[in-house]
Amino acid sequence: KPPPTRTGKTIAIIGSGPAGLAAADQLNKAGHTVTVYERADRVGGLIMYGIPNMKIDKTDIVQRRVDLMKQEGVKFVTNAHIGKDIPLSVVRSCSDAVLMAVGATKPRDLPVPGRDLGGVEFAMDFLHNNTKSLLDSGLEDGKYISAEGKKVIVIGGGDTGTDCIATSLRHGCDSVINFELMDRPPNERAEDNPWPQWPRIFRVDYGHKEAQVRQGDDPREYNVLTKRFVSDDDGKVTGVEVVTVFWERDRDGQFKFNEVKGSERIYTADLVVLAMGFLGPEDTLAKALAGEGDQLTLDARSNYKADYGDHATSVEGVFAAGDCRRGQSLVVWAISEGRLAAENIHKYVMRNELEQEEAELSVPGREWLQTLSVDLDLDELVKEVEQQGYSLNSLTDTHRKTLAHLVEDEAANGNGDFAKGRLVHRLMAMLRETPRRESTMGSF
């Protein structure tokens, strides 16, 4: 269902993940011309390449939704790395507003000896390449990091770590172990974790359950600190040296870990996947803006600084939503932020039109009716309206435009007297509606 009319405003969205797609959908429905830029070869961002296919189908769910948005008028440009392959200035020059929805894709690294060995990979490289190869060729092209027959160690928990475990199992790994630095969570809430806080308790996700079925036990080992990666003569990883740690509060009350003496040991590994979270968005767009003379303000965690609900950055006409603004989070939060950002982008690009609408609505209903070329007994009409508990001032801009068109159409057909009767009838029907102002962004 493409919008019936276009506003003439053009919006550029950088990033086609859940935040970008949510914003694009809303802005397109509002009548704006929306172009979404994606640096990968497929649209979807995190939900296309970051989340494995067994958790969300890319063809029947993600691509189907993208295709529907295309039919409704949203434009998608893939293989477009804004700020690198395409200057950000070019995008800004042909847009009334820009939304940055690029996610938090800068991974947290593990700078220990042997980090540069072959076989030590970031989780997103592992997951992205796997899904792309799966979609391109059913894993026949070999353009992915294979865990087949390998002893795999995943460092870091959370959803990403679980996805790496499950993907390794599907490749046919020999074994998979998951290292976590923290203590094993309790089975029930601790005293310092009361409701309504999120319950920090032990959970078994799908990857852990699959590993239990395959290997006979849970793949997770807690209180494990990686000290170095061990290699062979060919520069490939062959093991991980670790040490056990325990946590306690220091004099300032902060939790810190201490190593357990004599607990050093080495685990054999052919593939190590780093899944330790993300540090915020990459600096490509911030540097591009700086190169254009605009300083993008970042928060303490290096995310794009923009107030929640407003989403405007420190750069005029540039907005931010999703993980690049709030940090690594859930898909539902990204969708919510995309919608909120879209509403505020609409207000921004339509500010002149909305101000004019406000000015028109400031004219009292009775005075406005006098501008119509219809001979009305306004005193009698006002009396009738007030007797029924309504006010002419509650007529919205949409109501006024509808009534004005009605009068114009009837007058053009020589039905002046008939127009008077229809006007009063339609007027009373409109006043019986909920007495609130209708927004031009009814789709939000």
Foldseek 3Di string as FASTA:
>chain_A
DAAPAAPPAEEEEEAQALLRVLLLQLLRNLRYQYEYEELAPDGHQCVQQVFACVVPPCVPPVVVSVVVSVVRRYHYDYNDDELPNHFPVVVVVRHLFYEYAHAQPAADADPAALCPFPQEEALSQQRRQVSVCCVVPNCPVVRHDAQAQWEEEEEADDPSSLSVLQVSVVSHHPAYAYEEQADQAAQFADPVQDPPHDGRHHDQDPSQVVRCVVPVHGRYDYQKDWHYFDDDPVRFTFKTKIFGWDWDADPVRDIDIDTDPPRIDIDTTRHYYYDHFGQAHDCSVQVSCVVVVDHFDADPSRAGEDDQLQQDTSDPRYGYADCSHVNDDDSVRSSVRSNSNSVNSVCSSCVVVVVVQVVVLVPALLVLVVVAPADDPSVVLQVVQVVVPFGSSLQAPVNSVVLNVLCVVCVVVVNRVVSVVVSSVSSSVVRPPDSDYDDSSVVD
